[in-house]
Protein backbone atom coordinates (compact mmCIF):
# COMPACT_ATOMS: atom_id res chain seq x y z
CA MET A 1 7.02 2.01 7.96
CA ARG A 2 2.79 1.72 8.62
CA ILE A 3 0.64 0.19 5.55
CA ASP A 4 -1.72 2.86 5.77
CA LYS A 5 1.12 5.55 5.52
CA PHE A 6 2.86 3.67 2.86
CA LEU A 7 -0.51 3.57 0.46
CA LYS A 8 -0.70 7.52 1.04
CA ASN A 9 3.02 8.10 0.10
CA SER A 10 2.88 5.97 -2.77
CA ARG A 11 -0.60 7.54 -4.15
CA LEU A 12 -2.20 4.23 -4.33
CA ILE A 13 -4.86 5.66 -2.17
CA LYS A 14 -5.11 9.35 -1.98
CA ARG A 15 -5.79 9.66 1.71
CA ARG A 16 -4.50 7.81 4.84
CA THR A 17 -7.85 8.07 6.29
CA VAL A 18 -9.29 6.04 3.20
CA SER A 19 -6.34 3.67 3.52
CA LYS A 20 -6.78 3.47 7.32
CA ALA A 21 -10.35 2.23 6.51
CA ALA A 22 -9.51 -0.11 3.89
CA CYS A 23 -7.09 -1.86 6.06
CA ASP A 24 -9.55 -1.99 8.73
CA SER A 25 -12.22 -3.86 6.49
CA GLY A 26 -9.70 -6.51 5.00
CA ARG A 27 -9.35 -5.18 1.71
CA ILE A 28 -5.56 -5.09 2.20
CA ALA A 29 -3.52 -7.97 2.45
CA VAL A 30 0.33 -7.91 2.94
CA ASN A 31 2.51 -11.14 1.71
CA GLY A 32 -0.71 -13.10 1.90
CA GLN A 33 -1.81 -11.71 5.22
CA VAL A 34 -5.00 -9.61 5.83
CA ALA A 35 -3.65 -6.14 6.77
CA LYS A 36 -4.62 -3.45 9.93
CA ALA A 37 -3.72 0.06 9.60
CA GLY A 38 -0.54 -0.68 11.76
CA THR A 39 1.02 -3.48 9.83
CA GLN A 40 4.59 -2.78 9.36
CA ILE A 41 5.88 -3.31 5.80
CA LYS A 42 9.36 -3.29 4.10
CA GLU A 43 11.05 -3.35 0.95
CA GLY A 44 10.32 -6.80 -0.98
CA ASP A 45 6.80 -6.98 0.50
CA ILE A 46 3.76 -7.92 -1.49
CA ILE A 47 0.65 -5.99 -1.20
CA THR A 48 -2.75 -6.88 -2.45
CA LEU A 49 -5.18 -4.12 -2.88
CA SER A 50 -8.93 -5.58 -3.51
CA MET A 51 -10.97 -2.04 -3.95
CA GLY A 52 -14.07 -1.25 -6.21
CA GLY A 53 -14.15 -4.61 -7.83
CA SER A 54 -10.52 -5.20 -8.79
CA THR A 55 -7.35 -6.47 -7.53
CA GLN A 56 -4.06 -4.87 -7.86
CA LYS A 57 -0.90 -6.35 -6.45
CA VAL A 58 2.32 -4.15 -6.08
CA LYS A 59 5.64 -4.94 -4.55
CA VAL A 60 7.33 -2.52 -2.28
CA LEU A 61 10.67 -1.27 -3.68
CA ALA A 62 11.21 1.84 -1.09
CA THR A 63 9.74 3.09 1.99
CA PRO A 64 11.06 6.66 2.66
CA GLU A 65 9.16 9.02 5.27
CA HIS A 66 8.83 11.88 2.67
CA VAL A 67 8.23 11.69 -0.86
CA ARG A 68 7.62 14.24 -3.76
CA LYS A 69 4.64 13.50 -5.90
CA GLU A 70 6.92 12.87 -8.80
CA ASP A 71 8.95 10.31 -7.08
CA ALA A 72 5.89 8.44 -5.94
CA GLU A 73 5.52 5.87 -8.57
CA ASN A 74 9.05 4.45 -7.77
CA LEU A 75 8.08 3.27 -4.58
CA TYR A 76 6.43 0.27 -5.85
CA SER A 77 6.22 -2.10 -8.99
CA VAL A 78 2.88 -3.51 -10.34
CA ILE A 79 3.13 -7.35 -10.48
CA GLU A 80 -0.76 -7.71 -11.14
CA SER A 81 -3.34 -5.22 -12.31
């Protein structure tokens, strides 16, 4: 799954266009490497989000194509806030 779509599905970022812009500006990293919007992710990857002056690290637990709002928080676990 693409990183920009995962960020939207997991509700870490509300809109896919915003997540694409965050990736393109270098604010998102996957396993320590700066990610572009099309970067493929899988279970076990570590995503680092640097937005709004704070940094958050999450571990990917699942990458389903469609997610209900109630299940979005089950796609990742927070490592650092």
